[in-house]
Protein backbone atom coordinates (compact mmCIF):
# COMPACT_ATOMS: atom_id res chain seq x y z
CA MET A 1 -5.75 10.70 8.05
CA TYR A 2 -5.97 7.42 7.36
CA LYS A 3 -6.40 6.46 3.55
CA VAL A 4 -7.54 3.18 2.52
CA PHE A 5 -7.42 1.90 -1.26
CA PHE A 6 -10.20 -0.83 -2.49
CA GLN A 7 -9.15 -1.21 -6.40
CA ASP A 8 -9.79 2.32 -8.11
CA ARG A 9 -11.53 3.50 -4.98
CA ILE A 10 -10.32 4.92 -1.82
CA ILE A 11 -11.77 5.46 1.98
CA TYR A 12 -10.79 8.51 3.85
CA VAL A 13 -10.88 8.29 7.64
CA THR A 14 -10.31 11.83 9.17
CA GLU A 15 -10.48 14.16 11.69
CA ASP A 16 -11.81 16.87 9.57
CA PHE A 17 -13.91 16.73 6.28
CA ARG A 18 -14.29 20.51 5.55
CA SER A 19 -11.64 20.99 3.01
CA HIS A 20 -12.57 17.63 1.20
CA PHE A 21 -16.52 18.54 1.32
CA PHE A 22 -15.88 21.95 -0.47
CA ASN A 23 -13.12 20.68 -2.78
CA ASP A 24 -14.07 17.15 -3.73
CA TYR A 25 -16.78 14.59 -4.56
CA GLY A 26 -18.00 11.42 -2.75
CA LEU A 27 -19.90 9.96 -0.04
CA PHE A 28 -19.39 11.99 3.52
CA TYR A 29 -20.46 10.14 6.84
CA LYS A 30 -19.94 11.32 10.38
CA TYR A 31 -19.06 8.20 12.77
CA TYR A 32 -21.89 6.97 14.76
CA ASP A 33 -21.32 3.94 16.02
CA GLN A 34 -19.53 0.29 15.14
CA ASP A 35 -22.67 -1.05 13.64
CA GLU A 36 -23.60 1.45 11.32
CA LEU A 37 -20.29 1.78 10.31
CA ALA A 38 -19.98 -1.98 9.15
CA ASP A 39 -23.36 -1.31 7.60
CA LEU A 40 -21.96 1.86 5.59
CA LEU A 41 -18.61 -0.29 4.43
CA LYS A 42 -20.95 -3.17 3.06
CA LEU A 43 -23.20 -0.51 1.07
CA PHE A 44 -19.64 1.31 -0.15
CA GLY A 45 -18.65 -2.35 -1.38
CA ILE A 46 -21.78 -2.39 -3.60
CA LEU A 47 -21.89 1.16 -4.70
CA THR A 48 -19.22 1.13 -7.29
CA LYS A 49 -19.89 4.21 -8.89
CA ILE A 50 -18.98 6.08 -5.74
CA LYS A 51 -15.18 6.18 -5.64
CA LYS A 52 -14.42 8.19 -2.29
CA LEU A 53 -15.94 7.40 1.00
CA TYR A 54 -14.94 9.81 3.83
CA ILE A 55 -15.65 9.13 7.37
CA PHE A 56 -15.00 11.83 9.90
CA HIS A 57 -15.21 12.01 13.85
CA LYS A 58 -12.87 13.80 16.19
CA ASP A 59 -11.66 10.62 17.56
CA LEU A 60 -9.59 9.61 14.81
CA GLU A 61 -7.87 6.43 16.41
CA GLN A 62 -11.32 5.52 17.60
CA VAL A 63 -12.74 5.46 14.08
CA TRP A 64 -9.78 3.64 12.59
CA SER A 65 -9.58 0.80 15.20
CA GLY A 66 -13.48 0.26 14.37
CA LEU A 67 -12.92 -0.05 10.85
CA LYS A 68 -10.40 -2.51 11.29
CA THR A 69 -12.96 -4.75 13.12
CA CYS A 70 -14.79 -4.79 10.13
CA PHE A 71 -12.14 -6.94 7.98
CA ILE A 72 -9.61 -9.58 8.54
CA ASN A 73 -6.40 -7.83 8.95
CA ILE A 74 -3.14 -8.75 7.62
CA GLU A 75 0.14 -7.17 8.15
CA ALA A 76 3.08 -7.10 5.38
CA ALA A 77 6.54 -5.25 5.07
CA GLY A 78 8.48 -4.24 1.95
CA GLY A 79 11.16 -2.17 0.50
CA LEU A 80 11.79 0.48 -2.10
CA ILE A 81 15.17 -0.65 -2.98
CA PHE A 82 18.06 1.84 -4.47
CA ASN A 83 21.19 0.82 -6.09
CA GLN A 84 24.46 2.57 -6.27
CA GLN A 85 23.17 4.38 -9.30
CA ASN A 86 20.00 5.81 -7.38
CA GLN A 87 17.69 3.55 -9.46
CA ILE A 88 14.48 1.77 -7.88
CA LEU A 89 13.81 -1.65 -8.14
CA VAL A 90 10.28 -2.54 -9.40
CA ILE A 91 8.65 -5.70 -10.22
CA LYS A 92 5.76 -7.09 -12.18
CA ARG A 93 3.71 -9.41 -10.15
CA LEU A 94 0.45 -10.66 -11.83
CA GLY A 95 1.04 -8.56 -14.63
CA LYS A 96 1.26 -4.96 -12.34
CA TRP A 97 4.27 -2.96 -11.25
CA ASP A 98 4.74 -3.20 -7.78
CA PHE A 99 7.49 -3.21 -5.07
CA PRO A 100 8.64 -6.42 -2.87
CA LYS A 101 6.53 -7.13 -0.21
CA GLY A 102 5.04 -9.96 2.02
CA LYS A 103 3.28 -11.15 4.78
CA ILE A 104 4.98 -10.75 8.61
CA GLU A 105 5.34 -14.09 10.06
CA GLU A 106 4.23 -14.66 13.73
CA GLY A 107 7.22 -13.40 15.98
CA GLU A 108 9.06 -11.48 13.16
CA SER A 109 9.63 -7.86 13.57
CA ARG A 110 8.84 -5.09 10.60
CA GLU A 111 12.45 -4.73 9.38
CA ARG A 112 12.92 -8.18 9.48
CA ALA A 113 10.17 -9.23 7.45
CA ALA A 114 11.09 -6.50 4.80
CA LEU A 115 14.52 -7.42 3.96
CA ARG A 116 13.61 -11.20 4.07
CA GLU A 117 10.74 -10.67 1.65
CA VAL A 118 12.74 -8.35 -0.87
CA ASN A 119 15.50 -11.40 -0.67
CA GLU A 120 13.12 -14.02 -1.51
CA GLU A 121 11.36 -12.03 -4.23
CA THR A 122 14.47 -10.37 -5.77
CA GLY A 123 17.41 -12.29 -5.03
CA ILE A 124 19.37 -9.81 -3.46
CA SER A 125 20.72 -10.50 -0.35
CA ASP A 126 23.22 -7.44 0.28
CA LEU A 127 20.67 -5.00 1.75
CA GLU A 128 21.02 -2.32 4.20
CA ILE A 129 17.77 -1.14 5.75
CA GLY A 130 17.15 2.45 6.12
CA ALA A 131 14.31 4.64 7.34
CA PRO A 132 10.48 3.52 7.34
CA LEU A 133 8.28 4.90 4.88
CA LYS A 134 4.74 5.82 4.94
CA ALA A 135 2.79 2.75 5.22
CA THR A 136 -0.10 2.05 3.11
CA TYR A 137 -3.70 0.24 3.24
CA HIS A 138 -5.76 -1.54 0.74
CA ILE A 139 -9.04 -4.00 0.85
CA TYR A 140 -9.21 -6.96 -1.14
CA ILE A 141 -11.66 -9.52 -1.08
CA LYS A 142 -10.51 -13.29 -1.21
CA ASP A 143 -12.67 -16.59 -0.88
CA GLY A 144 -15.60 -14.00 -0.18
CA LYS A 145 -13.85 -12.50 2.92
CA ALA A 146 -12.91 -8.82 2.82
CA ILE A 147 -9.36 -8.55 3.93
CA LEU A 148 -7.79 -5.34 4.95
CA LYS A 149 -3.94 -5.29 4.39
CA THR A 150 -1.33 -2.63 6.29
CA THR A 151 2.11 -2.90 4.26
CA TYR A 152 4.89 -1.13 6.25
CA TRP A 153 7.59 0.02 3.81
CA PHE A 154 11.12 0.77 4.30
CA GLN A 155 14.05 2.53 1.98
CA MET A 156 16.92 -0.13 1.58
CA HIS A 157 20.19 -0.02 -0.28
CA THR A 158 22.06 -2.33 -2.07
CA SER A 159 25.77 -1.90 -3.36
CA GLY A 160 25.98 -5.28 -5.18
CA THR A 161 26.28 -5.72 -8.93
CA ILE A 162 24.11 -8.79 -9.30
CA ASP A 163 21.33 -8.75 -11.33
CA PRO A 164 18.08 -9.14 -9.48
CA MET A 165 15.90 -12.38 -10.25
CA PRO A 166 12.33 -12.76 -10.08
CA GLU A 167 10.66 -15.49 -7.79
CA LEU A 168 8.43 -17.12 -10.31
CA GLU A 169 7.01 -18.79 -7.59
CA GLU A 170 5.18 -15.75 -6.38
CA GLU A 171 4.19 -14.85 -10.23
CA ILE A 172 6.81 -12.22 -10.25
CA THR A 173 7.77 -12.05 -13.93
CA GLU A 174 10.07 -8.95 -14.11
CA THR A 175 12.47 -7.06 -11.87
CA VAL A 176 13.70 -3.79 -13.35
CA TRP A 177 15.90 -0.76 -12.30
CA PHE A 178 13.93 2.30 -13.03
CA ASP A 179 15.70 5.57 -12.98
CA ARG A 180 13.90 7.83 -10.93
CA LYS A 181 12.51 10.32 -14.08
CA ASP A 182 11.43 7.04 -15.78
CA LEU A 183 8.75 6.18 -12.74
CA GLN A 184 5.56 7.53 -14.28
CA LEU A 185 6.37 5.02 -16.81
CA ILE A 186 4.32 2.67 -14.67
CA LEU A 187 1.50 4.36 -13.22
CA GLY A 188 -0.81 3.22 -16.03
CA ASN A 189 -0.25 -0.19 -14.87
CA THR A 190 0.19 -0.29 -11.09
CA TYR A 191 -1.69 0.11 -7.85
CA LEU A 192 -3.26 3.39 -6.43
CA SER A 193 -1.37 2.40 -3.13
CA ILE A 194 1.82 2.17 -5.20
CA VAL A 195 1.17 5.47 -6.97
CA ASP A 196 0.67 7.17 -3.15
CA LEU A 197 3.75 5.66 -1.92
CA LEU A 198 5.73 7.38 -4.94
CA GLN A 199 4.09 10.46 -4.31
CA SER A 200 4.80 10.75 -0.41
CA GLN A 201 8.36 10.05 -1.31
CA ASP A 202 8.33 12.55 -4.21
CA LEU A 203 9.43 10.08 -6.66
CA LEU A 204 7.41 11.35 -9.43
CA THR A 205 8.38 13.88 -11.92
CA PHE A 206 6.18 14.97 -14.96
């Protein structure tokens, strides 16, 4: 299953809708063809009161490929950085809590892009990259164009003691180390994709 975030709304691409149909609310659509899917996505963009769209078909990758063609596609990479105290680095960008990430440059690997972006946005250079984490997907509108951004995340560790520094040119105003038990404090001012990432790593405690 793929989960795509669009502000406070979610598009699910799934092979089996039954559990969602009986346990959730939203708009359910069985994939038929590419033109119809494109029209449906435009309609979902207008019907803002509908918070969830479920697109289902037995060939998951066919539908996912079709959905991607409806958008300009951008790939980014970033990291969840842990220090020696097992704290996690969180940044505040454009007034919202986030993790450091940025666009993958041409010819650059996901891992290299993640390390570069974390270094640029936080000033941390002594980074050890670990396992890849769950990718996140979100849609946004820029200059009247619909963009689908895929962000590849990696776990990272630093043994350094230098305080991180926010990259002000990227409108990052804060870099804060959070204890795991305090991560729920950011939930009221972050993105659904970040919440989903934290939940996938069992990093939220209530």
